[in-house]
């Protein structure tokens, strides 16, 4: 799962200039350690055995991860981070980076007994295009070495807690019955209706059954912020009509009542699943559900 997480959404080469001002010790290593720790929280939440993660500045690696696979196999994974400063030293012929990396690889394999050695290239992909290609060529014969290029690793580096938790959960639980059922329930609806459904499930199961016009208008505003759309307010009336036809909303006495027995069962199950697994980790179950259901990703694809 770590390999798939590290190789995140591909960005444009010019976007990797974000790495230019980041330093190895102060910025990059602490953030990658934090991101991997979030991934481990997912493992623990779903009953996987995780030993530890630690920052290291010797034995050829920057971050060491120890964990156990489902079949009980112990694995050790090392992350080696390469910064813009190191690549610039290489460009200025002040550092023989390929030779250094090979030495770090050998040390890590011998001293730590790594199963996987990941090299994270946190550099400007445009400025160092030839050097990236050269380094990948130099290291391709090293069996357990995987190089993650800047256009892939930037997404992992910048990913927020909720999105990272959601992505890690989807990778770990890609065949989970609850997640699949909930995903099917939102996929068969328009994205804005799906957003409202998730929000209303969270309200019904966590707050109460009454929904006012003001509540619906607030949800509409939140949807516009979430989707970055500029849809007309008449669309809100269409959404409310759709939910009323499904008997999820019932207008009575000047207010809407949520009909809990009509709510999609997969979304309800996912709400309780996340509420139980996430206490103390992230209180916003709705945001977590939206991330798990990949609603924002769906919007990007629709564009």
C-alpha atoms as a PDB file:
ATOM      1  CA  UNK A   1       0.000   0.000   0.000  1.00  0.00           C
ATOM      2  CA  UNK A   2       2.855   2.415   0.755  1.00  0.00           C
ATOM      3  CA  UNK A   3       4.091   2.272  -2.831  1.00  0.00           C
ATOM      4  CA  UNK A   4       0.662   3.226  -4.160  1.00  0.00           C
ATOM      5  CA  UNK A   5       0.321   6.033  -1.618  1.00  0.00           C
ATOM      6  CA  UNK A   6       3.758   7.464  -2.348  1.00  0.00           C
ATOM      7  CA  UNK A   7       2.981   7.504  -6.057  1.00  0.00           C
ATOM      8  CA  UNK A   8       0.027   9.839  -5.741  1.00  0.00           C
ATOM      9  CA  UNK A   9      -1.854  11.943  -8.233  1.00  0.00           C
ATOM     10  CA  UNK A  10       0.445  13.094 -11.015  1.00  0.00           C
ATOM     11  CA  UNK A  11       1.072  16.846 -11.077  1.00  0.00           C
ATOM     12  CA  UNK A  12       2.498  19.058 -13.805  1.00  0.00           C
ATOM     13  CA  UNK A  13       6.313  19.285 -13.817  1.00  0.00           C
ATOM     14  CA  UNK A  14       6.203  23.046 -13.162  1.00  0.00           C
ATOM     15  CA  UNK A  15       4.197  22.451  -9.968  1.00  0.00           C
ATOM     16  CA  UNK A  16       7.168  20.618  -8.453  1.00  0.00           C
ATOM     17  CA  UNK A  17       8.901  23.969  -8.053  1.00  0.00           C
ATOM     18  CA  UNK A  18       7.131  23.851  -4.675  1.00  0.00           C
ATOM     19  CA  UNK A  19      10.018  21.634  -3.555  1.00  0.00           C
ATOM     20  CA  UNK A  20      12.633  24.274  -4.357  1.00  0.00           C
ATOM     21  CA  UNK A  21      12.442  26.083  -1.023  1.00  0.00           C
ATOM     22  CA  UNK A  22      11.919  23.009   1.168  1.00  0.00           C
ATOM     23  CA  UNK A  23      14.844  21.697   3.183  1.00  0.00           C
ATOM     24  CA  UNK A  24      15.690  18.082   3.881  1.00  0.00           C
ATOM     25  CA  UNK A  25      15.773  18.180   7.699  1.00  0.00           C
ATOM     26  CA  UNK A  26      13.315  20.953   8.556  1.00  0.00           C
ATOM     27  CA  UNK A  27      10.552  20.342   6.016  1.00  0.00           C
ATOM     28  CA  UNK A  28      10.734  17.128   4.023  1.00  0.00           C
ATOM     29  CA  UNK A  29      11.669  14.399   6.512  1.00  0.00           C
ATOM     30  CA  UNK A  30       9.283  15.532   9.293  1.00  0.00           C
ATOM     31  CA  UNK A  31       6.368  15.794   6.856  1.00  0.00           C
ATOM     32  CA  UNK A  32       6.975  12.382   5.307  1.00  0.00           C
ATOM     33  CA  UNK A  33       7.206  10.878   8.781  1.00  0.00           C
ATOM     34  CA  UNK A  34       3.853  12.495   9.644  1.00  0.00           C
ATOM     35  CA  UNK A  35       2.250  11.221   6.433  1.00  0.00           C
ATOM     36  CA  UNK A  36       3.432   7.660   7.021  1.00  0.00           C
ATOM     37  CA  UNK A  37       2.198   7.830  10.620  1.00  0.00           C
ATOM     38  CA  UNK A  38      -1.264   8.692   9.275  1.00  0.00           C
ATOM     39  CA  UNK A  39      -1.120   5.625   7.060  1.00  0.00           C
ATOM     40  CA  UNK A  40      -0.220   3.528  10.107  1.00  0.00           C
ATOM     41  CA  UNK A  41      -3.254   4.858  11.948  1.00  0.00           C
ATOM     42  CA  UNK A  42      -5.376   3.352   9.189  1.00  0.00           C
ATOM     43  CA  UNK A  43      -3.605   0.020   9.628  1.00  0.00           C
ATOM     44  CA  UNK A  44      -4.282   0.074  13.367  1.00  0.00           C
ATOM     45  CA  UNK A  45      -7.919   1.141  12.908  1.00  0.00           C
ATOM     46  CA  UNK A  46      -8.514  -1.910  10.714  1.00  0.00           C
ATOM     47  CA  UNK A  47      -6.738  -4.371  12.999  1.00  0.00           C
ATOM     48  CA  UNK A  48      -3.361  -4.605  11.247  1.00  0.00           C
ATOM     49  CA  UNK A  49      -0.244  -5.010  13.390  1.00  0.00           C
ATOM     50  CA  UNK A  50       2.139  -2.072  13.128  1.00  0.00           C
ATOM     51  CA  UNK A  51       5.385  -2.034  15.050  1.00  0.00           C
ATOM     52  CA  UNK A  52       6.777   1.473  14.750  1.00  0.00           C
ATOM     53  CA  UNK A  53       8.087   4.275  12.632  1.00  0.00           C
ATOM     54  CA  UNK A  54      11.145   6.314  13.416  1.00  0.00           C
ATOM     55  CA  UNK A  55      13.207   9.089  11.929  1.00  0.00           C
ATOM     56  CA  UNK A  56      16.800   8.116  11.240  1.00  0.00           C
ATOM     57  CA  UNK A  57      19.848   9.959   9.988  1.00  0.00           C
ATOM     58  CA  UNK A  58      22.180   7.019   9.594  1.00  0.00           C
ATOM     59  CA  UNK A  59      22.169   3.494   8.177  1.00  0.00           C
ATOM     60  CA  UNK A  60      21.353   4.992   4.771  1.00  0.00           C
ATOM     61  CA  UNK A  61      17.724   5.972   5.424  1.00  0.00           C
ATOM     62  CA  UNK A  62      15.733   8.963   6.677  1.00  0.00           C
ATOM     63  CA  UNK A  63      12.561   7.185   7.838  1.00  0.00           C
ATOM     64  CA  UNK A  64      12.225   3.534   8.860  1.00  0.00           C
ATOM     65  CA  UNK A  65       8.878   1.733   8.974  1.00  0.00           C
ATOM     66  CA  UNK A  66       8.289  -1.690  10.509  1.00  0.00           C
ATOM     67  CA  UNK A  67       4.997  -3.512  10.022  1.00  0.00           C
ATOM     68  CA  UNK A  68       3.446  -6.957   9.687  1.00  0.00           C
ATOM     69  CA  UNK A  69       1.501  -8.166   6.653  1.00  0.00           C
ATOM     70  CA  UNK A  70      -1.796 -10.049   6.910  1.00  0.00           C
ATOM     71  CA  UNK A  71       0.030 -13.367   6.591  1.00  0.00           C
ATOM     72  CA  UNK A  72       2.300 -12.482   9.535  1.00  0.00           C
ATOM     73  CA  UNK A  73       5.394 -11.565   7.536  1.00  0.00           C
ATOM     74  CA  UNK A  74       7.584  -8.897   9.132  1.00  0.00           C
ATOM     75  CA  UNK A  75       8.656  -6.139   6.758  1.00  0.00           C
ATOM     76  CA  UNK A  76      11.027  -3.197   7.019  1.00  0.00           C
ATOM     77  CA  UNK A  77      10.728  -0.246   4.678  1.00  0.00           C
ATOM     78  CA  UNK A  78      13.148   2.651   4.395  1.00  0.00           C
ATOM     79  CA  UNK A  79      12.592   6.090   2.904  1.00  0.00           C
ATOM     80  CA  UNK A  80      15.527   8.084   1.570  1.00  0.00           C
ATOM     81  CA  UNK A  81      14.662  11.695   0.755  1.00  0.00           C
ATOM     82  CA  UNK A  82      16.599  13.688  -1.818  1.00  0.00           C
ATOM     83  CA  UNK A  83      16.154  17.466  -1.742  1.00  0.00           C
ATOM     84  CA  UNK A  84      16.573  20.324  -4.174  1.00  0.00           C
ATOM     85  CA  UNK A  85      19.762  21.370  -2.375  1.00  0.00           C
ATOM     86  CA  UNK A  86      21.373  17.969  -2.951  1.00  0.00           C
ATOM     87  CA  UNK A  87      20.439  17.961  -6.622  1.00  0.00           C
ATOM     88  CA  UNK A  88      21.814  21.460  -7.005  1.00  0.00           C
ATOM     89  CA  UNK A  89      25.087  20.346  -5.423  1.00  0.00           C
ATOM     90  CA  UNK A  90      25.144  17.507  -7.935  1.00  0.00           C
ATOM     91  CA  UNK A  91      24.496  19.968 -10.767  1.00  0.00           C
ATOM     92  CA  UNK A  92      27.375  22.138  -9.490  1.00  0.00           C
ATOM     93  CA  UNK A  93      29.617  19.056  -9.352  1.00  0.00           C
ATOM     94  CA  UNK A  94      30.018  19.377  -5.598  1.00  0.00           C
ATOM     95  CA  UNK A  95      28.272  16.066  -4.819  1.00  0.00           C
ATOM     96  CA  UNK A  96      28.404  12.697  -6.568  1.00  0.00           C
ATOM     97  CA  UNK A  97      24.757  11.924  -5.833  1.00  0.00           C
ATOM     98  CA  UNK A  98      24.442   8.587  -7.702  1.00  0.00           C
ATOM     99  CA  UNK A  99      27.460   7.177  -5.875  1.00  0.00           C
ATOM    100  CA  UNK A 100      26.153   8.488  -2.543  1.00  0.00           C
ATOM    101  CA  UNK A 101      22.738   6.907  -3.099  1.00  0.00           C
ATOM    102  CA  UNK A 102      24.260   3.553  -4.022  1.00  0.00           C
ATOM    103  CA  UNK A 103      26.309   3.628  -0.819  1.00  0.00           C
ATOM    104  CA  UNK A 104      23.227   4.521   1.233  1.00  0.00           C
ATOM    105  CA  UNK A 105      21.309   1.663  -0.396  1.00  0.00           C
ATOM    106  CA  UNK A 106      24.062  -0.843   0.427  1.00  0.00           C
ATOM    107  CA  UNK A 107      24.275   0.374   4.033  1.00  0.00           C
ATOM    108  CA  UNK A 108      20.515   0.202   4.518  1.00  0.00           C
ATOM    109  CA  UNK A 109      20.251  -3.319   3.124  1.00  0.00           C
ATOM    110  CA  UNK A 110      23.159  -4.634   5.170  1.00  0.00           C
ATOM    111  CA  UNK A 111      22.607  -2.835   8.488  1.00  0.00           C
ATOM    112  CA  UNK A 112      18.805  -2.659   8.660  1.00  0.00           C
ATOM    113  CA  UNK A 113      17.755  -5.588   6.488  1.00  0.00           C
ATOM    114  CA  UNK A 114      15.269  -3.603   4.423  1.00  0.00           C
ATOM    115  CA  UNK A 115      12.640  -5.284   2.293  1.00  0.00           C
ATOM    116  CA  UNK A 116      11.965  -2.076   0.362  1.00  0.00           C
ATOM    117  CA  UNK A 117      14.047   1.051  -0.210  1.00  0.00           C
ATOM    118  CA  UNK A 118      12.147   4.081  -1.523  1.00  0.00           C
ATOM    119  CA  UNK A 119      13.938   7.133  -2.870  1.00  0.00           C
ATOM    120  CA  UNK A 120      11.753  10.234  -2.811  1.00  0.00           C
ATOM    121  CA  UNK A 121      12.949  12.873  -5.268  1.00  0.00           C
ATOM    122  CA  UNK A 122      11.719  16.173  -3.841  1.00  0.00           C
ATOM    123  CA  UNK A 123      13.128  18.472  -6.503  1.00  0.00           C
ATOM    124  CA  UNK A 124      12.098  20.706  -9.389  1.00  0.00           C
ATOM    125  CA  UNK A 125      11.245  18.185 -12.116  1.00  0.00           C
ATOM    126  CA  UNK A 126      11.816  20.656 -14.932  1.00  0.00           C
ATOM    127  CA  UNK A 127      15.152  21.997 -13.742  1.00  0.00           C
ATOM    128  CA  UNK A 128      16.549  18.529 -13.023  1.00  0.00           C
ATOM    129  CA  UNK A 129      14.880  16.519 -15.790  1.00  0.00           C
ATOM    130  CA  UNK A 130      18.129  14.997 -17.116  1.00  0.00           C
ATOM    131  CA  UNK A 131      19.515  14.271 -13.660  1.00  0.00           C
ATOM    132  CA  UNK A 132      16.288  12.527 -12.610  1.00  0.00           C
ATOM    133  CA  UNK A 133      16.441  10.360 -15.707  1.00  0.00           C
ATOM    134  CA  UNK A 134      20.115   9.582 -15.055  1.00  0.00           C
ATOM    135  CA  UNK A 135      19.497   8.629 -11.424  1.00  0.00           C
ATOM    136  CA  UNK A 136      16.594   6.350 -12.360  1.00  0.00           C
ATOM    137  CA  UNK A 137      18.829   4.630 -14.904  1.00  0.00           C
ATOM    138  CA  UNK A 138      21.673   4.236 -12.395  1.00  0.00           C
ATOM    139  CA  UNK A 139      19.403   2.623  -9.770  1.00  0.00           C
ATOM    140  CA  UNK A 140      17.186   0.405 -11.930  1.00  0.00           C
ATOM    141  CA  UNK A 141      19.307  -2.722 -11.301  1.00  0.00           C
ATOM    142  CA  UNK A 142      19.017  -2.439  -7.506  1.00  0.00           C
ATOM    143  CA  UNK A 143      16.370  -5.023  -6.745  1.00  0.00           C
ATOM    144  CA  UNK A 144      14.435  -3.527  -3.815  1.00  0.00           C
ATOM    145  CA  UNK A 145      14.956   0.128  -4.774  1.00  0.00           C
ATOM    146  CA  UNK A 146      12.019   2.162  -6.033  1.00  0.00           C
ATOM    147  CA  UNK A 147      12.410   5.772  -7.091  1.00  0.00           C
ATOM    148  CA  UNK A 148       9.373   8.042  -6.746  1.00  0.00           C
ATOM    149  CA  UNK A 149       9.696  11.023  -9.070  1.00  0.00           C
ATOM    150  CA  UNK A 150       8.730  14.595  -8.114  1.00  0.00           C
ATOM    151  CA  UNK A 151       5.585  14.673 -10.262  1.00  0.00           C
ATOM    152  CA  UNK A 152       4.173  11.830  -8.135  1.00  0.00           C
ATOM    153  CA  UNK A 153       5.567  12.435  -4.648  1.00  0.00           C
ATOM    154  CA  UNK A 154       4.371  16.065  -4.401  1.00  0.00           C
ATOM    155  CA  UNK A 155       0.742  14.969  -4.082  1.00  0.00           C
ATOM    156  CA  UNK A 156       1.580  12.644  -1.171  1.00  0.00           C
ATOM    157  CA  UNK A 157       3.678  15.335   0.512  1.00  0.00           C
ATOM    158  CA  UNK A 158       0.904  17.953   0.344  1.00  0.00           C
ATOM    159  CA  UNK A 159      -2.086  15.677   0.993  1.00  0.00           C
ATOM    160  CA  UNK A 160      -4.213  16.683   3.966  1.00  0.00           C
ATOM    161  CA  UNK A 161      -4.995  14.368   6.867  1.00  0.00           C
ATOM    162  CA  UNK A 162      -8.557  13.518   5.820  1.00  0.00           C
ATOM    163  CA  UNK A 163      -7.684  12.876   2.171  1.00  0.00           C
ATOM    164  CA  UNK A 164      -4.678  10.750   3.125  1.00  0.00           C
ATOM    165  CA  UNK A 165      -6.722   8.730   5.614  1.00  0.00           C
ATOM    166  CA  UNK A 166      -9.399   8.231   2.970  1.00  0.00           C
ATOM    167  CA  UNK A 167      -6.964   7.168   0.278  1.00  0.00           C
ATOM    168  CA  UNK A 168      -5.125   4.779   2.591  1.00  0.00           C
ATOM    169  CA  UNK A 169      -8.433   3.275   3.736  1.00  0.00           C
ATOM    170  CA  UNK A 170      -9.596   2.743   0.147  1.00  0.00           C
ATOM    171  CA  UNK A 171      -6.353   0.952  -0.687  1.00  0.00           C
ATOM    172  CA  UNK A 172      -6.467  -1.237   2.412  1.00  0.00           C
ATOM    173  CA  UNK A 173     -10.202  -1.977   2.170  1.00  0.00           C
ATOM    174  CA  UNK A 174     -10.810  -2.006  -1.573  1.00  0.00           C
ATOM    175  CA  UNK A 175     -13.034  -5.089  -1.239  1.00  0.00           C
ATOM    176  CA  UNK A 176     -14.817  -3.980   1.931  1.00  0.00           C
ATOM    177  CA  UNK A 177     -18.574  -4.685   1.687  1.00  0.00           C
ATOM    178  CA  UNK A 178     -19.673  -1.524   3.519  1.00  0.00           C
ATOM    179  CA  UNK A 179     -17.441   0.790   1.504  1.00  0.00           C
ATOM    180  CA  UNK A 180     -18.489  -0.814  -1.764  1.00  0.00           C
ATOM    181  CA  UNK A 181     -22.213  -0.543  -0.916  1.00  0.00           C
ATOM    182  CA  UNK A 182     -21.877   3.112   0.104  1.00  0.00           C
ATOM    183  CA  UNK A 183     -19.866   3.919  -3.019  1.00  0.00           C
ATOM    184  CA  UNK A 184     -22.516   2.320  -5.226  1.00  0.00           C
ATOM    185  CA  UNK A 185     -25.195   4.400  -3.508  1.00  0.00           C
ATOM    186  CA  UNK A 186     -23.473   7.714  -4.270  1.00  0.00           C
ATOM    187  CA  UNK A 187     -22.247   6.740  -7.737  1.00  0.00           C
ATOM    188  CA  UNK A 188     -25.799   6.197  -8.953  1.00  0.00           C
ATOM    189  CA  UNK A 189     -26.705   9.787  -8.066  1.00  0.00           C
ATOM    190  CA  UNK A 190     -25.617  13.215  -9.280  1.00  0.00           C
ATOM    191  CA  UNK A 191     -22.621  14.514  -7.341  1.00  0.00           C
ATOM    192  CA  UNK A 192     -24.530  17.317  -5.605  1.00  0.00           C
ATOM    193  CA  UNK A 193     -27.310  14.947  -4.536  1.00  0.00           C
ATOM    194  CA  UNK A 194     -24.673  12.522  -3.229  1.00  0.00           C
ATOM    195  CA  UNK A 195     -23.091  15.354  -1.207  1.00  0.00           C
ATOM    196  CA  UNK A 196     -26.458  16.210   0.341  1.00  0.00           C
ATOM    197  CA  UNK A 197     -27.128  12.548   1.113  1.00  0.00           C
ATOM    198  CA  UNK A 198     -23.836  12.149   2.987  1.00  0.00           C
ATOM    199  CA  UNK A 199     -24.491  15.342   4.931  1.00  0.00           C
ATOM    200  CA  UNK A 200     -28.062  14.338   5.792  1.00  0.00           C
ATOM    201  CA  UNK A 201     -27.005  10.853   6.912  1.00  0.00           C
ATOM    202  CA  UNK A 202     -24.457  12.439   9.268  1.00  0.00           C
ATOM    203  CA  UNK A 203     -27.080  14.867  10.567  1.00  0.00           C
ATOM    204  CA  UNK A 204     -29.755  12.213  11.102  1.00  0.00           C
ATOM    205  CA  UNK A 205     -27.457   9.748  12.865  1.00  0.00           C
ATOM    206  CA  UNK A 206     -25.366  12.249  14.780  1.00  0.00           C
ATOM    207  CA  UNK A 207     -27.506  15.312  15.492  1.00  0.00           C
ATOM    208  CA  UNK A 208     -31.241  14.986  14.850  1.00  0.00           C
ATOM    209  CA  UNK A 209     -33.997  14.554  12.319  1.00  0.00           C
ATOM    210  CA  UNK A 210     -35.125  18.149  11.756  1.00  0.00           C
ATOM    211  CA  UNK A 211     -33.886  20.078   8.715  1.00  0.00           C
ATOM    212  CA  UNK A 212     -34.855  23.700   8.191  1.00  0.00           C
ATOM    213  CA  UNK A 213     -34.735  25.790   5.025  1.00  0.00           C
ATOM    214  CA  UNK A 214     -31.738  27.559   6.537  1.00  0.00           C
ATOM    215  CA  UNK A 215     -29.988  24.192   7.005  1.00  0.00           C
ATOM    216  CA  UNK A 216     -30.553  23.323   3.346  1.00  0.00           C
ATOM    217  CA  UNK A 217     -29.285  26.723   2.202  1.00  0.00           C
ATOM    218  CA  UNK A 218     -26.171  26.261   4.341  1.00  0.00           C
ATOM    219  CA  UNK A 219     -25.614  22.849   2.777  1.00  0.00           C
ATOM    220  CA  UNK A 220     -25.956  24.369  -0.664  1.00  0.00           C
ATOM    221  CA  UNK A 221     -23.304  26.965   0.186  1.00  0.00           C
ATOM    222  CA  UNK A 222     -21.014  24.208   1.488  1.00  0.00           C
ATOM    223  CA  UNK A 223     -21.557  22.235  -1.718  1.00  0.00           C
ATOM    224  CA  UNK A 224     -20.563  25.218  -3.854  1.00  0.00           C
ATOM    225  CA  UNK A 225     -17.382  25.611  -1.793  1.00  0.00           C
ATOM    226  CA  UNK A 226     -16.652  21.887  -1.967  1.00  0.00           C
ATOM    227  CA  UNK A 227     -17.249  21.586  -5.704  1.00  0.00           C
ATOM    228  CA  UNK A 228     -15.955  25.049  -6.644  1.00  0.00           C
ATOM    229  CA  UNK A 229     -18.988  25.355  -8.897  1.00  0.00           C
ATOM    230  CA  UNK A 230     -21.119  28.376  -9.639  1.00  0.00           C
ATOM    231  CA  UNK A 231     -24.508  26.734 -10.072  1.00  0.00           C
ATOM    232  CA  UNK A 232     -27.770  28.649  -9.777  1.00  0.00           C
ATOM    233  CA  UNK A 233     -29.791  28.400  -6.582  1.00  0.00           C
ATOM    234  CA  UNK A 234     -32.648  26.790  -8.524  1.00  0.00           C
ATOM    235  CA  UNK A 235     -30.601  23.586  -8.448  1.00  0.00           C
ATOM    236  CA  UNK A 236     -31.155  23.397  -4.687  1.00  0.00           C
ATOM    237  CA  UNK A 237     -34.894  23.125  -5.263  1.00  0.00           C
ATOM    238  CA  UNK A 238     -34.302  20.229  -7.676  1.00  0.00           C
ATOM    239  CA  UNK A 239     -32.155  18.403  -5.093  1.00  0.00           C
ATOM    240  CA  UNK A 240     -34.790  18.864  -2.379  1.00  0.00           C
ATOM    241  CA  UNK A 241     -37.493  17.619  -4.757  1.00  0.00           C
ATOM    242  CA  UNK A 242     -35.400  14.524  -5.591  1.00  0.00           C
ATOM    243  CA  UNK A 243     -34.847  13.725  -1.899  1.00  0.00           C
ATOM    244  CA  UNK A 244     -38.529  14.308  -1.183  1.00  0.00           C
ATOM    245  CA  UNK A 245     -39.554  11.944  -3.981  1.00  0.00           C
ATOM    246  CA  UNK A 246     -37.295   9.294  -2.448  1.00  0.00           C
ATOM    247  CA  UNK A 247     -39.103  10.016   0.846  1.00  0.00           C
ATOM    248  CA  UNK A 248     -35.823  10.855   2.552  1.00  0.00           C
ATOM    249  CA  UNK A 249     -37.166  14.350   3.297  1.00  0.00           C
ATOM    250  CA  UNK A 250     -40.743  14.912   4.406  1.00  0.00           C
ATOM    251  CA  UNK A 251     -42.113  18.443   4.762  1.00  0.00           C
ATOM    252  CA  UNK A 252     -44.315  18.762   7.833  1.00  0.00           C
ATOM    253  CA  UNK A 253     -45.302  21.750   9.938  1.00  0.00           C
ATOM    254  CA  UNK A 254     -42.977  24.205   8.234  1.00  0.00           C
ATOM    255  CA  UNK A 255     -39.886  22.017   8.541  1.00  0.00           C
ATOM    256  CA  UNK A 256     -38.366  18.989   6.838  1.00  0.00           C
ATOM    257  CA  UNK A 257     -38.118  15.695   8.728  1.00  0.00           C
ATOM    258  CA  UNK A 258     -35.458  13.147   7.841  1.00  0.00           C
ATOM    259  CA  UNK A 259     -36.971   9.706   7.329  1.00  0.00           C
ATOM    260  CA  UNK A 260     -34.192   7.559   8.757  1.00  0.00           C
ATOM    261  CA  UNK A 261     -35.653   4.293   7.461  1.00  0.00           C
ATOM    262  CA  UNK A 262     -35.359   5.666   3.897  1.00  0.00           C
ATOM    263  CA  UNK A 263     -31.676   6.632   4.155  1.00  0.00           C
ATOM    264  CA  UNK A 264     -29.267   4.539   2.040  1.00  0.00           C
ATOM    265  CA  UNK A 265     -28.147   1.628   4.262  1.00  0.00           C
ATOM    266  CA  UNK A 266     -24.574   1.585   2.956  1.00  0.00           C
ATOM    267  CA  UNK A 267     -24.027   5.237   3.863  1.00  0.00           C
ATOM    268  CA  UNK A 268     -25.542   4.654   7.292  1.00  0.00           C
ATOM    269  CA  UNK A 269     -23.253   1.680   7.878  1.00  0.00           C
ATOM    270  CA  UNK A 270     -20.238   3.694   6.718  1.00  0.00           C
ATOM    271  CA  UNK A 271     -21.139   6.502   9.140  1.00  0.00           C
ATOM    272  CA  UNK A 272     -21.145   4.138  12.127  1.00  0.00           C
ATOM    273  CA  UNK A 273     -18.024   2.331  10.886  1.00  0.00           C
ATOM    274  CA  UNK A 274     -16.041   5.574  10.702  1.00  0.00           C
ATOM    275  CA  UNK A 275     -17.485   6.898  13.969  1.00  0.00           C
ATOM    276  CA  UNK A 276     -16.218   3.806  15.777  1.00  0.00           C
ATOM    277  CA  UNK A 277     -12.797   3.657  14.108  1.00  0.00           C
ATOM    278  CA  UNK A 278     -11.950   7.361  14.235  1.00  0.00           C
ATOM    279  CA  UNK A 279     -12.578   8.621  17.799  1.00  0.00           C
ATOM    280  CA  UNK A 280      -9.786  10.971  18.794  1.00  0.00           C
ATOM    281  CA  UNK A 281      -8.238  10.840  15.315  1.00  0.00           C
ATOM    282  CA  UNK A 282     -10.518  13.108  13.326  1.00  0.00           C
ATOM    283  CA  UNK A 283     -13.886  14.349  14.554  1.00  0.00           C
ATOM    284  CA  UNK A 284     -15.346  15.316  11.164  1.00  0.00           C
ATOM    285  CA  UNK A 285     -16.971  12.082  10.016  1.00  0.00           C
ATOM    286  CA  UNK A 286     -18.691  13.784   7.084  1.00  0.00           C
ATOM    287  CA  UNK A 287     -15.419  14.992   5.563  1.00  0.00           C
ATOM    288  CA  UNK A 288     -13.965  11.549   6.041  1.00  0.00           C
ATOM    289  CA  UNK A 289     -16.910   9.886   4.307  1.00  0.00           C
ATOM    290  CA  UNK A 290     -16.690  12.298   1.369  1.00  0.00           C
ATOM    291  CA  UNK A 291     -13.014  11.445   1.035  1.00  0.00           C
ATOM    292  CA  UNK A 292     -13.632   7.702   1.242  1.00  0.00           C
ATOM    293  CA  UNK A 293     -16.338   7.947  -1.408  1.00  0.00           C
ATOM    294  CA  UNK A 294     -13.976   9.907  -3.698  1.00  0.00           C
ATOM    295  CA  UNK A 295     -16.583  12.544  -4.436  1.00  0.00           C
ATOM    296  CA  UNK A 296     -14.011  15.270  -5.071  1.00  0.00           C
ATOM    297  CA  UNK A 297     -12.063  12.939  -7.381  1.00  0.00           C
ATOM    298  CA  UNK A 298     -15.284  12.270  -9.269  1.00  0.00           C
ATOM    299  CA  UNK A 299     -15.733  16.007  -9.823  1.00  0.00           C
ATOM    300  CA  UNK A 300     -12.211  16.255 -11.261  1.00  0.00           C
ATOM    301  CA  UNK A 301     -12.936  13.395 -13.676  1.00  0.00           C
ATOM    302  CA  UNK A 302     -16.235  14.985 -14.760  1.00  0.00           C
ATOM    303  CA  UNK A 303     -14.342  18.130 -15.688  1.00  0.00           C
END
